[in-house]
Every structure is written in C-alpha cells, then in structure tokens.
Amino acid sequence: MIISKLTLKNWRNFRAIEIDLSDRVFIVGPNASGKSNLLDAIRFLRDIVKPGGGLQSALALRGGLSKVRCLSARKDNDVEVEVELSEPDETAVWRYAIGITQQSRGQRLPILRSEKVWKNGDLISERPDASDKGDELRLSQTFLEQISSNHKFREVARFLESVRYLHLVPQLLRSAEQYKSPATPDDPYGRNFLEMIARTSQKTRKSRLRKIEAALRHAVPQMRALTDMKDEAGVPHLEVLYEHWRPNAGKQREDQFSDGTIRLIGLFWSLLDGNSPLLLEEPELSLNAAIVKRLPTLFSQLLRRKSTQIFVTTHSWDLLSDKGIAAEE
C-alpha cells in the first residue's frame, strides 16, 4: 500500500491542506515553508502506533498540543490529520482520521475530538462512542494504538508503524565514540547504522552491499569492493578498496569516508531495506550537483522490483531537473 492522500487541519503551519500523493513525492519550498512539518504529520501517526508510543507520547515528543496547533487557528482550533491508504492499482482501501482537542478542565490532557476509520468507503469505527461519553479519560488514547481495539483495522496500524524516516548525520557514524548519549529507538540519524547492517542476514547483506557499490561508483568511481567487517573488539565497520596512484588499492573504513559517501550509503541501504514508506530530508546534502541530478534515476534503479513509496524534501533544482519526474509527483 501507499499513502495516497494526506489531509491536515491546523497542523503546525498548515491551516488546511489536502494533497493527493503518488509513489514518489517531492516536497519543495523555501526555508520555514513547512516541508519537514508535512513529513512530521506522517511521523506523528507512526509515533502513535510504534511500541512504547501512543497519542500522549507522540504529542509530548513535539512539545504538546499547543506546539503542533497552527498559530493561525482561532475559533475552530482542533488539530486534524487524515490519511488515505491505497493499493498499487490506486484503489483506496483505508481512510484513517483523527481530531485532537484539549480537556477544558482537570488535567488539560490532549483528547480525541474524533477518530474514524473507513474500509472500502464504509465507516467501520467512530469515536467518541457510548463508552467514551461515560468516561472522558478513554479519549486520551486512540483505538489505533490499542491491540484490543484495533482488530478491525490492524492492517492500518501495522502499515503506519512501518513508516521509516532518515536524516543520516555522517559525524555520528564516523566518530561514534565522541557521541556517547543513547540513540533514539528508531535511530533516524544513523548512530546504530553499522549495527543494523551487521544484524542483517549475510545473504541479504552481501546482496545489498553489491548493489550499493554499483550505485556508488557513479559518485566515487575510485571505490570498489564495498564490504562489512568487524574489528578485533567485534565492532562492525564498512570497508572499501580505494584506488589511487599506487599499483594496489588502499583499504578505507567509514571513518575515512567523505560526508557525501556516508550519506549515499545510508540512503541506498534504506531504499533497499523494506517496502514501507521512506521519508527523506534533503538527500542532496553533501553531494555535488552532478550526483544530485542522478538521484531520482538511482532511486528508480534501486527500487525497480520494489513498491516502496518515497517522500523527499528538497531545495535542489539539480535534483528536480530530472526529466523523469512528473509534475504530479
């Protein structure tokens, strides 16, 4: 499935929007125009259903309801997020919509104004229900996050939980010993990236690294034989042969890779790792213009046999100048 439509009301800097989405989504705009906020609406739903998450946790991560509510919201100030999920043939299967307000008294908790689920156009769940009206505290949790309550639409919860977000920071990978604080559970910044590669089965790992090496040679033609290994202490590393003026190529590990090389490896691995939606923030960072122009083509080549949906925020005209990008994307 893919997220085929996103509707927001009073979400951060969006007063009201409704957007049709395709397999590839390029989000363009100047600084502070809302590119990251658009992705964050999808991450918000993911944070509701992820292990240890929930509505209260997802809002707390963002500073509370007042921080995500649009500053332009006045009388009608409920926050609403709605997604439509469709199959590859563009048949809409699911719609999930949530409206959030705040208790008028007591603890002033964020609570549900509404929670609705449609399957094939039929409304199959709606809140508040009779039980909610007798106990307002029930509205501090969504049915989406509760295994005992989402059995009719658990497919939606599993899909949203699978959403991935990447904004790999090369310094965290190259100099991990300098950053001792614990990594976040979903690790969007790459601190546990090498451990994640090492945990992948050997057959899958080798296959992906071969594909990544082939794609990397467009950017760094001197590189070959990309592989993973562990040092004497059992710490995982990436290693390549780097051809230079001497007859034999020299070996390099990730602490000698450029920022651009590290970001490309992380980007390509994420594209190959699963079929769930992938949210990418400015993949052009640290890359030269010639490589940035090739990114959409490389995306398509790596995903030729996959159905991953990709969301890309970008400032780059070089990336958007690819003639294969359709206007509706």
Protein backbone atom coordinates (compact mmCIF):
# COMPACT_ATOMS: atom_id res chain seq x y z
CA MET A 1 0.00 0.00 0.00
CA ILE A 2 0.90 3.66 -0.28
CA ILE A 3 -0.34 6.83 1.38
CA SER A 4 -2.44 8.21 -1.48
CA LYS A 5 -3.88 11.28 0.22
CA LEU A 6 -2.95 13.45 3.19
CA THR A 7 -5.37 15.94 4.75
CA LEU A 8 -4.32 18.31 7.54
CA LYS A 9 -6.15 20.94 9.55
CA ASN A 10 -4.37 23.26 11.99
CA TRP A 11 -1.23 21.12 11.82
CA ARG A 12 1.81 23.30 12.54
CA ASN A 13 2.00 25.95 9.77
CA PHE A 14 -0.81 24.38 7.69
CA ARG A 15 -4.24 25.87 8.30
CA ALA A 16 -5.89 23.41 5.92
CA ILE A 17 -4.47 21.26 3.10
CA GLU A 18 -5.49 18.20 1.10
CA ILE A 19 -2.87 16.56 -1.13
CA ASP A 20 -3.01 13.60 -3.50
CA LEU A 21 0.19 11.56 -3.34
CA SER A 22 1.96 9.11 -5.66
CA ASP A 23 4.74 6.52 -5.35
CA ARG A 24 7.33 9.32 -5.35
CA VAL A 25 6.61 12.61 -3.62
CA PHE A 26 8.93 15.60 -4.00
CA ILE A 27 8.22 18.34 -1.45
CA VAL A 28 9.65 21.69 -2.49
CA GLY A 29 9.74 25.10 -0.85
CA PRO A 30 11.89 27.75 0.82
CA ASN A 31 13.07 27.55 4.42
CA ALA A 32 10.30 27.52 7.04
CA SER A 33 7.60 26.82 4.44
CA GLY A 34 6.58 23.52 6.08
CA LYS A 35 8.40 20.74 4.20
CA SER A 36 9.53 18.97 7.38
CA ASN A 37 6.18 19.68 9.04
CA LEU A 38 4.43 17.84 6.22
CA LEU A 39 6.58 14.76 6.79
CA ASP A 40 6.10 15.09 10.52
CA ALA A 41 2.35 14.58 10.20
CA ILE A 42 3.10 11.10 8.84
CA ARG A 43 5.73 10.51 11.52
CA PHE A 44 3.16 11.58 14.12
CA LEU A 45 0.81 8.75 13.12
CA ARG A 46 3.80 6.37 13.15
CA ASP A 47 4.69 7.52 16.67
CA ILE A 48 1.16 6.80 17.89
CA VAL A 49 1.37 3.12 16.90
CA LYS A 50 5.05 2.31 17.45
CA PRO A 51 5.99 0.18 20.51
CA GLY A 52 6.06 2.40 23.58
CA GLY A 53 4.25 5.15 21.71
CA GLY A 54 0.66 6.36 21.85
CA LEU A 55 -1.16 9.64 21.39
CA GLN A 56 0.15 11.25 24.57
CA SER A 57 3.74 10.21 23.86
CA ALA A 58 3.59 11.36 20.23
CA LEU A 59 2.37 14.81 21.30
CA ALA A 60 4.85 15.05 24.18
CA LEU A 61 7.71 14.39 21.74
CA ARG A 62 6.57 17.51 19.89
CA GLY A 63 6.17 19.71 22.95
CA GLY A 64 2.45 19.15 23.44
CA LEU A 65 -0.68 20.02 21.52
CA SER A 66 -0.02 23.77 21.69
CA LYS A 67 3.24 23.29 19.76
CA VAL A 68 1.66 21.41 16.86
CA ARG A 69 -1.51 23.52 16.65
CA CYS A 70 -1.34 26.09 13.84
CA LEU A 71 -0.72 29.63 15.07
CA SER A 72 -3.45 30.82 12.68
CA ALA A 73 -6.07 28.59 14.35
CA ARG A 74 -8.64 30.71 16.21
CA LYS A 75 -12.22 29.66 16.99
CA ASP A 76 -12.03 26.28 15.24
CA ASN A 77 -8.69 25.11 16.64
CA ASP A 78 -8.90 21.30 16.70
CA VAL A 79 -5.92 19.59 15.08
CA GLU A 80 -6.85 17.01 12.43
CA VAL A 81 -4.76 14.52 10.48
CA GLU A 82 -6.21 12.14 7.90
CA VAL A 83 -4.57 9.63 5.57
CA GLU A 84 -5.94 7.55 2.74
CA LEU A 85 -4.18 4.26 2.00
CA SER A 86 -4.40 2.70 -1.46
CA GLU A 87 -3.20 -0.39 -3.26
CA PRO A 88 -0.75 -0.11 -6.21
CA ASP A 89 -3.70 -0.14 -8.65
CA GLU A 90 -4.82 3.13 -6.98
CA THR A 91 -7.82 1.52 -5.28
CA ALA A 92 -8.41 3.32 -2.00
CA VAL A 93 -8.80 0.72 0.75
CA TRP A 94 -8.46 2.56 4.07
CA ARG A 95 -9.03 6.03 5.49
CA TYR A 96 -7.95 6.93 8.99
CA ALA A 97 -8.80 10.32 10.52
CA ILE A 98 -8.05 11.76 13.92
CA GLY A 99 -9.16 15.03 15.50
CA ILE A 100 -7.47 16.27 18.67
CA THR A 101 -8.56 18.89 21.20
CA GLN A 102 -7.79 19.56 24.86
CA GLN A 103 -9.70 18.93 28.07
CA SER A 104 -11.44 22.11 29.17
CA ARG A 105 -10.74 21.40 32.82
CA GLY A 106 -8.88 18.99 35.10
CA GLN A 107 -5.51 17.78 33.80
CA ARG A 108 -6.00 19.60 30.48
CA LEU A 109 -4.89 16.48 28.63
CA PRO A 110 -4.99 16.29 24.84
CA ILE A 111 -8.01 14.15 23.99
CA LEU A 112 -9.76 12.91 20.88
CA ARG A 113 -12.44 15.07 19.36
CA SER A 114 -12.91 12.31 16.81
CA GLU A 115 -11.35 9.11 15.48
CA LYS A 116 -12.78 7.48 12.36
CA VAL A 117 -11.80 4.54 10.17
CA TRP A 118 -13.23 3.65 6.76
CA LYS A 119 -12.64 0.44 4.81
CA ASN A 120 -13.59 0.39 1.12
CA GLY A 121 -15.68 3.51 1.70
CA ASP A 122 -17.63 2.11 4.67
CA LEU A 123 -17.26 3.67 8.13
CA ILE A 124 -16.24 0.79 10.44
CA SER A 125 -15.20 2.66 13.59
CA GLU A 126 -16.17 6.04 15.01
CA ARG A 127 -15.40 7.83 18.23
CA PRO A 128 -16.48 9.14 20.65
CA ASP A 129 -18.66 6.08 21.23
CA ALA A 130 -21.08 5.35 24.09
CA SER A 131 -18.30 4.16 26.40
CA ASP A 132 -16.24 7.31 25.72
CA LYS A 133 -19.13 9.55 26.69
CA GLY A 134 -19.26 7.91 30.10
CA ASP A 135 -15.51 8.13 30.69
CA GLU A 136 -13.72 11.05 29.01
CA LEU A 137 -10.30 9.72 30.02
CA ARG A 138 -10.73 6.96 27.42
CA LEU A 139 -10.36 9.70 24.81
CA SER A 140 -6.74 10.28 25.86
CA GLN A 141 -5.87 7.14 23.87
CA THR A 142 -6.63 6.19 20.28
CA PHE A 143 -8.08 2.86 19.25
CA LEU A 144 -5.26 2.79 16.69
CA GLU A 145 -2.65 2.25 19.44
CA GLN A 146 -4.67 -0.40 21.32
CA ILE A 147 -4.35 -4.02 20.21
CA SER A 148 -7.62 -4.86 21.95
CA SER A 149 -9.48 -2.19 19.99
CA ASN A 150 -7.87 -2.05 16.52
CA HIS A 151 -8.56 -5.63 15.42
CA LYS A 152 -10.87 -4.44 12.63
CA PHE A 153 -8.19 -2.17 11.17
CA ARG A 154 -4.90 -3.57 12.50
CA GLU A 155 -3.57 -3.51 8.94
CA VAL A 156 -3.62 0.31 9.16
CA ALA A 157 -1.70 0.28 12.45
CA ARG A 158 0.94 -2.10 11.08
CA PHE A 159 1.35 -0.04 7.93
CA LEU A 160 1.81 3.23 9.82
CA GLU A 161 4.21 1.59 12.28
CA SER A 162 6.39 0.53 9.32
CA VAL A 163 6.99 4.13 8.12
CA ARG A 164 10.73 4.94 8.05
CA TYR A 165 12.46 8.29 8.40
CA LEU A 166 16.09 9.02 7.51
CA HIS A 167 18.27 12.04 8.07
CA LEU A 168 21.64 10.38 8.49
CA VAL A 169 24.30 12.55 10.19
CA PRO A 170 27.74 11.43 8.90
CA GLN A 171 29.58 12.59 12.04
CA LEU A 172 27.57 10.18 14.21
CA LEU A 173 28.70 7.28 12.06
CA ARG A 174 32.27 8.39 11.50
CA SER A 175 33.04 9.41 15.09
CA ALA A 176 30.63 7.36 17.19
CA GLU A 177 32.96 7.35 20.20
CA GLN A 178 32.50 11.11 20.56
CA TYR A 179 28.73 10.81 20.91
CA LYS A 180 28.02 8.73 23.98
CA SER A 181 24.36 9.59 24.61
CA PRO A 182 21.84 6.82 23.85
CA ALA A 183 20.47 6.63 20.33
CA THR A 184 16.77 7.24 19.80
CA PRO A 185 14.74 4.00 19.42
CA ASP A 186 14.07 4.41 15.69
CA ASP A 187 17.56 5.92 15.11
CA PRO A 188 16.80 8.31 12.22
CA TYR A 189 20.27 9.87 12.44
CA GLY A 190 22.36 6.75 11.83
CA ARG A 191 24.12 6.21 15.17
CA ASN A 192 23.22 2.48 15.06
CA PHE A 193 23.50 2.19 11.29
CA LEU A 194 26.51 -0.15 11.27
CA GLU A 195 24.95 -2.40 13.91
CA MET A 196 21.78 -2.56 11.80
CA ILE A 197 23.80 -3.69 8.78
CA ALA A 198 25.61 -6.31 10.88
CA ARG A 199 22.28 -7.74 12.15
CA THR A 200 21.02 -8.30 8.61
CA SER A 201 21.38 -11.87 7.31
CA GLN A 202 24.63 -12.47 5.46
CA LYS A 203 22.98 -13.27 2.12
CA THR A 204 20.83 -10.12 2.19
CA ARG A 205 23.71 -8.00 3.48
CA LYS A 206 26.10 -9.05 0.72
CA SER A 207 23.47 -8.59 -1.98
CA ARG A 208 22.62 -5.07 -0.82
CA LEU A 209 26.23 -4.01 -0.49
CA ARG A 210 26.91 -5.17 -4.06
CA LYS A 211 24.02 -3.07 -5.35
CA ILE A 212 25.13 -0.09 -3.28
CA GLU A 213 28.70 -0.44 -4.57
CA ALA A 214 27.44 -0.39 -8.17
CA ALA A 215 25.38 2.74 -7.49
CA LEU A 216 28.22 4.40 -5.57
CA ARG A 217 30.62 4.11 -8.46
CA HIS A 218 28.60 6.77 -10.27
CA ALA A 219 29.62 9.15 -7.47
CA VAL A 220 33.00 7.78 -6.38
CA PRO A 221 34.49 5.81 -9.30
CA GLN A 222 37.69 5.02 -7.35
CA MET A 223 35.75 2.88 -4.87
CA ARG A 224 35.30 -0.85 -5.21
CA ALA A 225 34.77 -3.97 -3.09
CA LEU A 226 32.41 -2.44 -0.53
CA THR A 227 32.02 -4.90 2.33
CA ASP A 228 31.33 -5.09 6.03
CA MET A 229 33.67 -6.49 8.66
CA LYS A 230 34.30 -6.49 12.41
CA ASP A 231 37.47 -5.40 14.17
CA GLU A 232 39.29 -7.24 16.95
CA ALA A 233 36.81 -5.90 19.53
CA GLY A 234 33.82 -7.10 17.49
CA VAL A 235 32.80 -3.59 16.42
CA PRO A 236 31.18 -3.55 12.95
CA HIS A 237 32.66 -1.43 10.16
CA LEU A 238 32.28 -0.76 6.46
CA GLU A 239 35.37 -1.14 4.29
CA VAL A 240 36.24 -0.39 0.65
CA LEU A 241 39.21 -0.52 -1.64
CA TYR A 242 40.11 2.97 -2.82
CA GLU A 243 42.16 3.11 -6.00
CA HIS A 244 44.91 5.74 -6.17
CA TRP A 245 48.25 6.37 -7.89
CA ARG A 246 49.93 3.32 -6.34
CA PRO A 247 49.52 -0.05 -8.07
CA ASN A 248 47.44 -1.61 -5.28
CA ALA A 249 44.27 0.00 -3.94
CA GLY A 250 44.26 1.04 -0.30
CA LYS A 251 41.65 -0.08 2.20
CA GLN A 252 39.49 2.53 3.93
CA ARG A 253 36.90 2.30 6.69
CA GLU A 254 33.92 4.56 7.29
CA ASP A 255 35.91 6.96 9.45
CA GLN A 256 37.79 7.91 6.26
CA PHE A 257 34.71 8.22 4.04
CA SER A 258 33.52 11.66 2.99
CA ASP A 259 30.20 13.02 4.28
CA GLY A 260 28.67 12.53 0.85
CA THR A 261 29.80 8.90 0.61
CA ILE A 262 28.34 8.09 4.03
CA ARG A 263 25.05 9.76 3.23
CA LEU A 264 24.80 7.90 -0.09
CA ILE A 265 25.47 4.54 1.57
CA GLY A 266 22.81 5.24 4.21
CA LEU A 267 20.37 6.45 1.58
CA PHE A 268 20.84 3.46 -0.71
CA TRP A 269 20.65 0.97 2.17
CA SER A 270 17.37 2.50 3.34
CA LEU A 271 15.92 2.28 -0.17
CA LEU A 272 16.72 -1.43 -0.26
CA ASP A 273 15.62 -2.15 3.31
CA GLY A 274 11.93 -2.99 3.18
CA ASN A 275 8.86 -1.89 1.23
CA SER A 276 7.37 0.58 3.69
CA PRO A 277 7.18 4.36 3.05
CA LEU A 278 10.52 6.14 3.38
CA LEU A 279 10.72 9.80 4.42
CA LEU A 280 13.92 11.55 3.27
CA GLU A 281 15.05 15.00 4.35
CA GLU A 282 17.16 16.81 1.76
CA PRO A 283 19.13 13.85 0.33
CA GLU A 284 21.21 16.30 -1.72
CA LEU A 285 23.18 17.46 1.34
CA SER A 286 26.98 16.97 0.99
CA LEU A 287 26.64 15.86 -2.65
CA ASN A 288 27.88 17.65 -5.76
CA ALA A 289 25.42 18.80 -8.39
CA ALA A 290 26.29 16.08 -10.93
CA ILE A 291 25.38 13.34 -8.44
CA VAL A 292 22.29 15.13 -7.17
CA LYS A 293 20.94 15.21 -10.74
CA ARG A 294 21.24 11.41 -10.88
CA LEU A 295 19.48 10.71 -7.58
CA PRO A 296 15.93 10.25 -8.98
CA THR A 297 17.28 7.80 -11.58
CA LEU A 298 19.25 5.92 -8.93
CA PHE A 299 16.13 5.76 -6.77
CA SER A 300 14.24 4.15 -9.64
CA GLN A 301 17.06 1.71 -10.45
CA LEU A 302 17.38 0.52 -6.85
CA LEU A 303 13.59 0.21 -6.48
CA ARG A 304 12.93 -1.42 -9.84
CA ARG A 305 11.45 -4.56 -8.25
CA LYS A 306 10.07 -2.94 -5.10
CA SER A 307 6.98 -0.90 -4.31
CA THR A 308 8.43 1.49 -1.75
CA GLN A 309 6.87 4.94 -1.55
CA ILE A 310 9.42 7.73 -1.19
CA PHE A 311 8.86 11.22 0.22
CA VAL A 312 11.70 13.66 -0.50
CA THR A 313 12.04 17.20 0.84
CA THR A 314 14.48 19.24 -1.20
CA HIS A 315 15.79 22.69 -2.03
CA SER A 316 17.69 21.36 -5.04
CA TRP A 317 16.86 22.43 -8.56
CA ASP A 318 19.51 19.96 -9.75
CA LEU A 319 17.52 17.08 -8.27
CA LEU A 320 14.20 18.38 -9.60
CA SER A 321 15.61 18.95 -13.10
CA ASP A 322 15.47 15.18 -13.74
CA LYS A 323 13.16 14.78 -16.76
CA GLY A 324 11.74 11.57 -15.31
CA ILE A 325 9.93 13.47 -12.53
CA ALA A 326 6.31 14.04 -13.46
CA ALA A 327 4.53 17.24 -12.50
CA GLU A 328 2.01 15.35 -10.35
CA GLU A 329 4.85 13.98 -8.25
